[in-house]
Amino acid sequence: MINPDSLASEVLSIVVPAFNEEATLARVVEKLIEVPYLREIVIVDDCSSDRTLAIARGLEARYPQVRVLHHEQNRGKTHALRTGFAETRGDIVIVQDADLEYDPTEIKEVVQPIIDGVADVVFGSRFLVRKAARVLYFYHYLANKGLTFLSNLLTNVNLSDVETGYKAFRGEIIRNMVITSKGFGFEIEVTAKVAKLGCAIFEVPISYYGRTYEQGKKIGMKDGIAALWYIVRYNWLTSREASYRHIPMLEPGRVDNPPQVSNLAHKA
């Protein structure tokens, strides 16, 4: 639970994995600077071949809240997130992709259940309540629904959008998590591991401004196939003890309770 005395302070760390996002990175960061509760923005450049790193360094020089980390070799989104999480210092940590598919102005609503002390983890759902969403690939929609169903079947957590890019955590949970997947495997792995912990998981509706492959979308069929293996691996073949360096403390008596999932609609 976040200390009520800290509600007006800087408690939020935002991790931005970036690979060849020179066209959008600056706009993303300029929006993130305005997010309430902001403590820091940790940009992780995953060995971009364009001007992403140079733009990130310029943002770091301009804004004191921005820190830039750099991979000498391209290692994939999950590794970039692992690098970023280790360097965060905030009581709350959220992921923001660098491509503007997700609207930074909605971060406040995503983290609010953690601020209010009712959630440990929050997923921003693109399907919970239909908001502004670009209409794109039907096959991606089917794949997402299929992966969400299989993940829910093994976790017994009734999520509507396991593949969402907006996931927020209490800092001690994500910094203690042992993350071992590759590529885009983070979404499945982290869902299995917060379920094992018995976290209070909330969902809130979000908008989605998806990109086409021509515009730079990177996830593909191979990532979907890998996700099937990750569902089995992290739900059936990985214990709770192996999922965390140290088991984070939740509210007294709740660690061994079944996972809780609640859905929050926008307040008027």
C-alpha atoms as a PDB file:
ATOM      1  CA  MET A   1       0.000   0.000   0.000  1.00  0.00           C
ATOM      2  CA  ILE A   2       1.254   3.477  -0.890  1.00  0.00           C
ATOM      3  CA  ASN A   3       1.665   5.807   2.067  1.00  0.00           C
ATOM      4  CA  PRO A   4      -1.201   8.362   1.931  1.00  0.00           C
ATOM      5  CA  ASP A   5       1.281  11.078   2.899  1.00  0.00           C
ATOM      6  CA  SER A   6       3.104  10.482  -0.391  1.00  0.00           C
ATOM      7  CA  LEU A   7       0.134  10.992  -2.717  1.00  0.00           C
ATOM      8  CA  ALA A   8       1.324  14.424  -3.801  1.00  0.00           C
ATOM      9  CA  SER A   9       4.943  13.313  -4.083  1.00  0.00           C
ATOM     10  CA  GLU A  10       6.987  11.588  -6.761  1.00  0.00           C
ATOM     11  CA  VAL A  11       6.275   7.862  -6.467  1.00  0.00           C
ATOM     12  CA  LEU A  12       6.014   6.732 -10.096  1.00  0.00           C
ATOM     13  CA  SER A  13       8.772   5.178 -12.217  1.00  0.00           C
ATOM     14  CA  ILE A  14       8.053   4.770 -15.938  1.00  0.00           C
ATOM     15  CA  VAL A  15      10.186   2.317 -17.922  1.00  0.00           C
ATOM     16  CA  VAL A  16      10.351   2.986 -21.675  1.00  0.00           C
ATOM     17  CA  PRO A  17      11.919   0.195 -23.782  1.00  0.00           C
ATOM     18  CA  ALA A  18      12.950   1.641 -27.159  1.00  0.00           C
ATOM     19  CA  PHE A  19      14.225   0.067 -30.350  1.00  0.00           C
ATOM     20  CA  ASN A  20      14.334   2.208 -33.505  1.00  0.00           C
ATOM     21  CA  GLU A  21      11.688   4.654 -32.280  1.00  0.00           C
ATOM     22  CA  GLU A  22      13.258   7.912 -33.440  1.00  0.00           C
ATOM     23  CA  ALA A  23       9.943   9.120 -34.882  1.00  0.00           C
ATOM     24  CA  THR A  24       7.955   8.934 -31.640  1.00  0.00           C
ATOM     25  CA  LEU A  25      10.272   8.798 -28.615  1.00  0.00           C
ATOM     26  CA  ALA A  26      10.453  12.543 -28.012  1.00  0.00           C
ATOM     27  CA  ARG A  27       6.674  12.922 -28.201  1.00  0.00           C
ATOM     28  CA  VAL A  28       6.208  10.049 -25.760  1.00  0.00           C
ATOM     29  CA  VAL A  29       8.596  11.547 -23.211  1.00  0.00           C
ATOM     30  CA  GLU A  30       7.089  15.018 -23.536  1.00  0.00           C
ATOM     31  CA  LYS A  31       3.704  13.509 -22.649  1.00  0.00           C
ATOM     32  CA  LEU A  32       5.185  11.435 -19.804  1.00  0.00           C
ATOM     33  CA  ILE A  33       6.732  14.511 -18.172  1.00  0.00           C
ATOM     34  CA  GLU A  34       3.177  15.732 -17.480  1.00  0.00           C
ATOM     35  CA  VAL A  35       2.016  12.505 -15.776  1.00  0.00           C
ATOM     36  CA  PRO A  36       1.018  12.964 -12.085  1.00  0.00           C
ATOM     37  CA  TYR A  37       3.161  11.381  -9.354  1.00  0.00           C
ATOM     38  CA  LEU A  38       6.154  11.150 -11.713  1.00  0.00           C
ATOM     39  CA  ARG A  39       9.529  10.430 -10.156  1.00  0.00           C
ATOM     40  CA  GLU A  40      11.549   9.193 -13.106  1.00  0.00           C
ATOM     41  CA  ILE A  41      11.464   8.024 -16.702  1.00  0.00           C
ATOM     42  CA  VAL A  42      13.952   5.244 -17.433  1.00  0.00           C
ATOM     43  CA  ILE A  43      14.557   4.868 -21.176  1.00  0.00           C
ATOM     44  CA  VAL A  44      16.287   1.658 -22.250  1.00  0.00           C
ATOM     45  CA  ASP A  45      17.698   1.823 -25.780  1.00  0.00           C
ATOM     46  CA  ASP A  46      17.988  -1.725 -27.088  1.00  0.00           C
ATOM     47  CA  CYS A  47      20.881  -1.057 -29.509  1.00  0.00           C
ATOM     48  CA  SER A  48      18.832   0.968 -31.974  1.00  0.00           C
ATOM     49  CA  SER A  49      20.269   1.447 -35.455  1.00  0.00           C
ATOM     50  CA  ASP A  50      18.589   4.832 -35.976  1.00  0.00           C
ATOM     51  CA  ARG A  51      18.765   8.076 -33.932  1.00  0.00           C
ATOM     52  CA  THR A  52      16.809   6.715 -30.955  1.00  0.00           C
ATOM     53  CA  LEU A  53      19.793   6.776 -28.589  1.00  0.00           C
ATOM     54  CA  ALA A  54      20.825  10.298 -29.602  1.00  0.00           C
ATOM     55  CA  ILE A  55      17.271  11.546 -29.085  1.00  0.00           C
ATOM     56  CA  ALA A  56      17.129   9.812 -25.702  1.00  0.00           C
ATOM     57  CA  ARG A  57      20.393  11.466 -24.624  1.00  0.00           C
ATOM     58  CA  GLY A  58      18.995  14.829 -25.651  1.00  0.00           C
ATOM     59  CA  LEU A  59      15.878  14.225 -23.559  1.00  0.00           C
ATOM     60  CA  GLU A  60      18.071  13.196 -20.628  1.00  0.00           C
ATOM     61  CA  ALA A  61      19.954  16.494 -20.871  1.00  0.00           C
ATOM     62  CA  ARG A  62      16.696  18.432 -21.090  1.00  0.00           C
ATOM     63  CA  TYR A  63      14.642  16.781 -18.345  1.00  0.00           C
ATOM     64  CA  PRO A  64      16.065  15.902 -14.891  1.00  0.00           C
ATOM     65  CA  GLN A  65      13.498  13.097 -14.529  1.00  0.00           C
ATOM     66  CA  VAL A  66      14.906  11.195 -17.538  1.00  0.00           C
ATOM     67  CA  ARG A  67      17.639   8.567 -17.307  1.00  0.00           C
ATOM     68  CA  VAL A  68      18.954   6.628 -20.287  1.00  0.00           C
ATOM     69  CA  LEU A  69      20.340   3.094 -20.319  1.00  0.00           C
ATOM     70  CA  HIS A  70      21.838   1.474 -23.421  1.00  0.00           C
ATOM     71  CA  HIS A  71      22.347  -2.094 -24.614  1.00  0.00           C
ATOM     72  CA  GLU A  72      25.441  -2.673 -26.712  1.00  0.00           C
ATOM     73  CA  GLN A  73      23.620  -5.554 -28.442  1.00  0.00           C
ATOM     74  CA  ASN A  74      19.956  -5.934 -29.345  1.00  0.00           C
ATOM     75  CA  ARG A  75      18.389  -8.246 -26.773  1.00  0.00           C
ATOM     76  CA  GLY A  76      14.632  -7.794 -27.175  1.00  0.00           C
ATOM     77  CA  LYS A  77      11.891  -6.022 -25.295  1.00  0.00           C
ATOM     78  CA  THR A  78      11.840  -8.271 -22.232  1.00  0.00           C
ATOM     79  CA  HIS A  79      15.563  -7.857 -21.617  1.00  0.00           C
ATOM     80  CA  ALA A  80      15.198  -4.090 -22.010  1.00  0.00           C
ATOM     81  CA  LEU A  81      12.439  -4.113 -19.403  1.00  0.00           C
ATOM     82  CA  ARG A  82      14.548  -6.217 -17.048  1.00  0.00           C
ATOM     83  CA  THR A  83      17.365  -3.691 -17.365  1.00  0.00           C
ATOM     84  CA  GLY A  84      14.981  -0.818 -16.705  1.00  0.00           C
ATOM     85  CA  PHE A  85      13.175  -2.369 -13.743  1.00  0.00           C
ATOM     86  CA  ALA A  86      16.463  -2.970 -11.925  1.00  0.00           C
ATOM     87  CA  GLU A  87      17.233   0.750 -12.059  1.00  0.00           C
ATOM     88  CA  THR A  88      13.853   2.051 -10.893  1.00  0.00           C
ATOM     89  CA  ARG A  89      13.370   3.657  -7.487  1.00  0.00           C
ATOM     90  CA  GLY A  90       9.651   4.466  -7.410  1.00  0.00           C
ATOM     91  CA  ASP A  91       6.979   2.901  -5.209  1.00  0.00           C
ATOM     92  CA  ILE A  92       5.013   2.237  -8.411  1.00  0.00           C
ATOM     93  CA  VAL A  93       6.458   1.057 -11.728  1.00  0.00           C
ATOM     94  CA  ILE A  94       4.682   1.086 -15.098  1.00  0.00           C
ATOM     95  CA  VAL A  95       5.742   0.195 -18.641  1.00  0.00           C
ATOM     96  CA  GLN A  96       5.266   2.705 -21.471  1.00  0.00           C
ATOM     97  CA  ASP A  97       6.075   1.621 -25.019  1.00  0.00           C
ATOM     98  CA  ALA A  98       7.893   4.234 -27.103  1.00  0.00           C
ATOM     99  CA  ASP A  99       5.588   4.020 -30.122  1.00  0.00           C
ATOM    100  CA  LEU A 100       2.492   5.930 -28.897  1.00  0.00           C
ATOM    101  CA  GLU A 101       0.183   2.911 -29.255  1.00  0.00           C
ATOM    102  CA  TYR A 102      -0.798   3.682 -25.652  1.00  0.00           C
ATOM    103  CA  ASP A 103      -1.788   7.157 -24.449  1.00  0.00           C
ATOM    104  CA  PRO A 104       0.412   8.463 -21.586  1.00  0.00           C
ATOM    105  CA  THR A 105      -2.411  10.719 -20.382  1.00  0.00           C
ATOM    106  CA  GLU A 106      -4.208   7.563 -19.183  1.00  0.00           C
ATOM    107  CA  ILE A 107      -1.386   6.431 -16.883  1.00  0.00           C
ATOM    108  CA  LYS A 108      -2.920   8.245 -13.911  1.00  0.00           C
ATOM    109  CA  GLU A 109      -6.054   6.114 -14.223  1.00  0.00           C
ATOM    110  CA  VAL A 110      -4.017   2.920 -14.597  1.00  0.00           C
ATOM    111  CA  VAL A 111      -1.979   3.480 -11.419  1.00  0.00           C
ATOM    112  CA  GLN A 112      -4.827   4.940  -9.340  1.00  0.00           C
ATOM    113  CA  PRO A 113      -5.914   1.604  -7.784  1.00  0.00           C
ATOM    114  CA  ILE A 114      -2.356   1.184  -6.454  1.00  0.00           C
ATOM    115  CA  ILE A 115      -2.318   4.779  -5.200  1.00  0.00           C
ATOM    116  CA  ASP A 116      -5.643   4.075  -3.467  1.00  0.00           C
ATOM    117  CA  GLY A 117      -4.142   1.051  -1.725  1.00  0.00           C
ATOM    118  CA  VAL A 118      -6.532  -1.534  -3.194  1.00  0.00           C
ATOM    119  CA  ALA A 119      -4.278  -3.069  -5.856  1.00  0.00           C
ATOM    120  CA  ASP A 120      -0.800  -4.532  -6.108  1.00  0.00           C
ATOM    121  CA  VAL A 121      -0.862  -4.815  -9.909  1.00  0.00           C
ATOM    122  CA  VAL A 122      -3.007  -3.099 -12.558  1.00  0.00           C
ATOM    123  CA  PHE A 123      -3.515  -4.126 -16.179  1.00  0.00           C
ATOM    124  CA  GLY A 124      -4.815  -1.581 -18.655  1.00  0.00           C
ATOM    125  CA  SER A 125      -7.373  -3.440 -20.764  1.00  0.00           C
ATOM    126  CA  ARG A 126      -8.156  -2.627 -24.387  1.00  0.00           C
ATOM    127  CA  PHE A 127     -11.331  -4.743 -24.204  1.00  0.00           C
ATOM    128  CA  LEU A 128     -12.826  -4.168 -20.742  1.00  0.00           C
ATOM    129  CA  VAL A 129     -14.826  -1.134 -21.869  1.00  0.00           C
ATOM    130  CA  ARG A 130     -14.457  -0.282 -25.533  1.00  0.00           C
ATOM    131  CA  LYS A 131     -12.723   3.095 -25.800  1.00  0.00           C
ATOM    132  CA  ALA A 132     -10.938   4.730 -28.723  1.00  0.00           C
ATOM    133  CA  ALA A 133      -9.129   1.932 -30.539  1.00  0.00           C
ATOM    134  CA  ARG A 134      -7.727   1.753 -34.026  1.00  0.00           C
ATOM    135  CA  VAL A 135      -9.238  -1.123 -35.994  1.00  0.00           C
ATOM    136  CA  LEU A 136      -6.414  -3.344 -37.242  1.00  0.00           C
ATOM    137  CA  TYR A 137      -5.616  -7.037 -37.646  1.00  0.00           C
ATOM    138  CA  PHE A 138      -8.393  -9.542 -36.899  1.00  0.00           C
ATOM    139  CA  TYR A 139      -5.860 -12.361 -36.573  1.00  0.00           C
ATOM    140  CA  HIS A 140      -4.028 -10.409 -33.873  1.00  0.00           C
ATOM    141  CA  TYR A 141      -7.324 -10.011 -32.024  1.00  0.00           C
ATOM    142  CA  LEU A 142      -7.968 -13.763 -32.209  1.00  0.00           C
ATOM    143  CA  ALA A 143      -4.418 -14.552 -31.073  1.00  0.00           C
ATOM    144  CA  ASN A 144      -4.738 -12.155 -28.140  1.00  0.00           C
ATOM    145  CA  LYS A 145      -8.056 -13.658 -27.072  1.00  0.00           C
ATOM    146  CA  GLY A 146      -6.655 -17.177 -27.400  1.00  0.00           C
ATOM    147  CA  LEU A 147      -3.549 -16.421 -25.354  1.00  0.00           C
ATOM    148  CA  THR A 148      -5.616 -14.602 -22.736  1.00  0.00           C
ATOM    149  CA  PHE A 149      -7.960 -17.592 -22.453  1.00  0.00           C
ATOM    150  CA  LEU A 150      -5.107 -20.092 -22.061  1.00  0.00           C
ATOM    151  CA  SER A 151      -3.313 -17.860 -19.556  1.00  0.00           C
ATOM    152  CA  ASN A 152      -6.500 -17.454 -17.521  1.00  0.00           C
ATOM    153  CA  LEU A 153      -7.082 -21.211 -17.627  1.00  0.00           C
ATOM    154  CA  LEU A 154      -3.738 -21.878 -15.960  1.00  0.00           C
ATOM    155  CA  THR A 155      -3.620 -18.897 -13.602  1.00  0.00           C
ATOM    156  CA  ASN A 156      -7.320 -18.967 -12.634  1.00  0.00           C
ATOM    157  CA  VAL A 157      -7.247 -15.178 -13.021  1.00  0.00           C
ATOM    158  CA  ASN A 158     -10.033 -13.770 -15.178  1.00  0.00           C
ATOM    159  CA  LEU A 159      -8.208 -11.099 -17.187  1.00  0.00           C
ATOM    160  CA  SER A 160      -9.577  -9.613 -20.401  1.00  0.00           C
ATOM    161  CA  ASP A 161      -6.265  -8.559 -22.010  1.00  0.00           C
ATOM    162  CA  VAL A 162      -3.134 -10.421 -20.939  1.00  0.00           C
ATOM    163  CA  GLU A 163      -1.094  -8.949 -23.807  1.00  0.00           C
ATOM    164  CA  THR A 164      -1.720  -5.315 -22.900  1.00  0.00           C
ATOM    165  CA  GLY A 165       1.323  -3.064 -22.891  1.00  0.00           C
ATOM    166  CA  TYR A 166       0.104  -1.116 -19.866  1.00  0.00           C
ATOM    167  CA  LYS A 167       0.994  -3.020 -16.710  1.00  0.00           C
ATOM    168  CA  ALA A 168       1.659  -1.239 -13.410  1.00  0.00           C
ATOM    169  CA  PHE A 169       3.163  -2.794 -10.288  1.00  0.00           C
ATOM    170  CA  ARG A 170       4.103  -1.957  -6.773  1.00  0.00           C
ATOM    171  CA  GLY A 171       7.840  -1.445  -7.126  1.00  0.00           C
ATOM    172  CA  GLU A 172       8.931  -4.175  -4.735  1.00  0.00           C
ATOM    173  CA  ILE A 173       6.998  -6.764  -6.724  1.00  0.00           C
ATOM    174  CA  ILE A 174       8.519  -6.118 -10.132  1.00  0.00           C
ATOM    175  CA  ARG A 175      12.040  -5.414  -8.824  1.00  0.00           C
ATOM    176  CA  ASN A 176      12.057  -8.740  -6.965  1.00  0.00           C
ATOM    177  CA  MET A 177      10.651 -10.736  -9.875  1.00  0.00           C
ATOM    178  CA  VAL A 178      13.062 -13.070 -11.692  1.00  0.00           C
ATOM    179  CA  ILE A 179      12.371 -12.433 -15.390  1.00  0.00           C
ATOM    180  CA  THR A 180      13.846 -14.999 -17.766  1.00  0.00           C
ATOM    181  CA  SER A 181      11.754 -14.921 -20.972  1.00  0.00           C
ATOM    182  CA  LYS A 182      12.966 -13.400 -24.228  1.00  0.00           C
ATOM    183  CA  GLY A 183      11.583 -11.169 -26.967  1.00  0.00           C
ATOM    184  CA  PHE A 184       7.986 -10.261 -26.158  1.00  0.00           C
ATOM    185  CA  GLY A 185       7.571 -12.977 -23.523  1.00  0.00           C
ATOM    186  CA  PHE A 186       7.267 -10.522 -20.654  1.00  0.00           C
ATOM    187  CA  GLU A 187       3.472 -10.208 -20.820  1.00  0.00           C
ATOM    188  CA  ILE A 188       2.834 -13.915 -20.267  1.00  0.00           C
ATOM    189  CA  GLU A 189       5.633 -14.411 -17.741  1.00  0.00           C
ATOM    190  CA  VAL A 190       4.707 -11.516 -15.500  1.00  0.00           C
ATOM    191  CA  THR A 191       1.028 -12.499 -15.503  1.00  0.00           C
ATOM    192  CA  ALA A 192       1.842 -16.012 -14.316  1.00  0.00           C
ATOM    193  CA  LYS A 193       4.174 -14.761 -11.622  1.00  0.00           C
ATOM    194  CA  VAL A 194       1.902 -12.105 -10.094  1.00  0.00           C
ATOM    195  CA  ALA A 195      -0.847 -14.745 -10.019  1.00  0.00           C
ATOM    196  CA  LYS A 196       1.451 -17.118  -8.108  1.00  0.00           C
ATOM    197  CA  LEU A 197       2.098 -14.376  -5.565  1.00  0.00           C
ATOM    198  CA  GLY A 198      -1.610 -13.872  -4.867  1.00  0.00           C
ATOM    199  CA  CYS A 199      -1.540 -10.202  -5.811  1.00  0.00           C
ATOM    200  CA  ALA A 200      -4.654  -8.055  -5.841  1.00  0.00           C
ATOM    201  CA  ILE A 201      -4.911  -7.498  -9.601  1.00  0.00           C
ATOM    202  CA  PHE A 202      -7.127  -4.807 -11.096  1.00  0.00           C
ATOM    203  CA  GLU A 203      -8.011  -3.920 -14.674  1.00  0.00           C
ATOM    204  CA  VAL A 204      -8.931  -0.474 -15.979  1.00  0.00           C
ATOM    205  CA  PRO A 205     -10.086   0.384 -19.515  1.00  0.00           C
ATOM    206  CA  ILE A 206      -7.607   2.120 -21.809  1.00  0.00           C
ATOM    207  CA  SER A 207      -7.469   3.436 -25.374  1.00  0.00           C
ATOM    208  CA  TYR A 208      -5.308   1.838 -28.043  1.00  0.00           C
ATOM    209  CA  TYR A 209      -3.776   3.470 -31.118  1.00  0.00           C
ATOM    210  CA  GLY A 210      -2.199   0.463 -32.826  1.00  0.00           C
ATOM    211  CA  ARG A 211       0.367   0.624 -35.606  1.00  0.00           C
ATOM    212  CA  THR A 212       0.584  -1.385 -38.800  1.00  0.00           C
ATOM    213  CA  TYR A 213       3.687  -3.365 -39.730  1.00  0.00           C
ATOM    214  CA  GLU A 214       4.468  -0.659 -42.279  1.00  0.00           C
ATOM    215  CA  GLN A 215       4.479   1.860 -39.450  1.00  0.00           C
ATOM    216  CA  GLY A 216       6.905  -0.187 -37.375  1.00  0.00           C
ATOM    217  CA  LYS A 217       4.878  -2.780 -35.470  1.00  0.00           C
ATOM    218  CA  LYS A 218       7.305  -5.502 -34.381  1.00  0.00           C
ATOM    219  CA  ILE A 219       5.377  -8.389 -32.789  1.00  0.00           C
ATOM    220  CA  GLY A 220       4.646 -11.311 -35.112  1.00  0.00           C
ATOM    221  CA  MET A 221       3.571 -14.955 -35.426  1.00  0.00           C
ATOM    222  CA  LYS A 222       6.777 -16.316 -33.886  1.00  0.00           C
ATOM    223  CA  ASP A 223       6.117 -14.275 -30.758  1.00  0.00           C
ATOM    224  CA  GLY A 224       2.631 -15.779 -30.497  1.00  0.00           C
ATOM    225  CA  ILE A 225       3.996 -19.301 -30.771  1.00  0.00           C
ATOM    226  CA  ALA A 226       6.634 -18.546 -28.125  1.00  0.00           C
ATOM    227  CA  ALA A 227       3.865 -17.230 -25.863  1.00  0.00           C
ATOM    228  CA  LEU A 228       2.209 -20.672 -25.864  1.00  0.00           C
ATOM    229  CA  TRP A 229       5.387 -22.229 -24.480  1.00  0.00           C
ATOM    230  CA  TYR A 230       5.727 -19.436 -21.904  1.00  0.00           C
ATOM    231  CA  ILE A 231       2.181 -20.065 -20.659  1.00  0.00           C
ATOM    232  CA  VAL A 232       3.118 -23.664 -19.878  1.00  0.00           C
ATOM    233  CA  ARG A 233       6.599 -22.878 -18.594  1.00  0.00           C
ATOM    234  CA  TYR A 234       5.724 -20.128 -16.134  1.00  0.00           C
ATOM    235  CA  ASN A 235       2.460 -21.589 -14.868  1.00  0.00           C
ATOM    236  CA  TRP A 236       3.292 -25.297 -14.610  1.00  0.00           C
ATOM    237  CA  LEU A 237       7.079 -25.528 -14.555  1.00  0.00           C
ATOM    238  CA  THR A 238       8.102 -22.527 -12.431  1.00  0.00           C
ATOM    239  CA  SER A 239       7.433 -22.292  -8.701  1.00  0.00           C
ATOM    240  CA  ARG A 240       6.576 -19.142  -6.787  1.00  0.00           C
ATOM    241  CA  GLU A 241       9.901 -19.359  -4.960  1.00  0.00           C
ATOM    242  CA  ALA A 242      11.793 -19.494  -8.261  1.00  0.00           C
ATOM    243  CA  SER A 243       9.797 -16.527  -9.552  1.00  0.00           C
ATOM    244  CA  TYR A 244      11.171 -13.999  -7.037  1.00  0.00           C
ATOM    245  CA  ARG A 245      14.535 -13.169  -5.512  1.00  0.00           C
ATOM    246  CA  HIS A 246      12.692 -12.357  -2.305  1.00  0.00           C
ATOM    247  CA  ILE A 247       8.962 -12.965  -1.885  1.00  0.00           C
ATOM    248  CA  PRO A 248       7.416  -9.479  -1.672  1.00  0.00           C
ATOM    249  CA  MET A 249       5.245  -8.754   1.331  1.00  0.00           C
ATOM    250  CA  LEU A 250       1.582  -8.151   0.556  1.00  0.00           C
ATOM    251  CA  GLU A 251      -1.105  -7.252   3.042  1.00  0.00           C
ATOM    252  CA  PRO A 252      -1.037  -9.500   6.150  1.00  0.00           C
ATOM    253  CA  GLY A 253      -2.620 -12.868   5.469  1.00  0.00           C
ATOM    254  CA  ARG A 254      -3.115 -12.327   1.736  1.00  0.00           C
ATOM    255  CA  VAL A 255      -0.001 -13.954   0.276  1.00  0.00           C
ATOM    256  CA  ASP A 256      -1.533 -17.420   0.304  1.00  0.00           C
ATOM    257  CA  ASN A 257      -5.028 -16.329  -0.729  1.00  0.00           C
ATOM    258  CA  PRO A 258      -6.304 -16.935  -4.271  1.00  0.00           C
ATOM    259  CA  PRO A 259      -5.571 -14.132  -6.749  1.00  0.00           C
ATOM    260  CA  GLN A 260      -8.112 -11.325  -6.848  1.00  0.00           C
ATOM    261  CA  VAL A 261      -9.144  -9.579 -10.045  1.00  0.00           C
ATOM    262  CA  SER A 262     -11.400  -6.551 -10.167  1.00  0.00           C
ATOM    263  CA  ASN A 263     -12.565  -4.437 -13.088  1.00  0.00           C
ATOM    264  CA  LEU A 264     -12.756  -0.675 -12.838  1.00  0.00           C
ATOM    265  CA  ALA A 265     -14.683   1.462 -15.297  1.00  0.00           C
ATOM    266  CA  HIS A 266     -13.788   5.115 -15.697  1.00  0.00           C
ATOM    267  CA  LYS A 267     -15.246   7.418 -13.108  1.00  0.00           C
ATOM    268  CA  ALA A 268     -17.263  10.355 -14.354  1.00  0.00           C
END
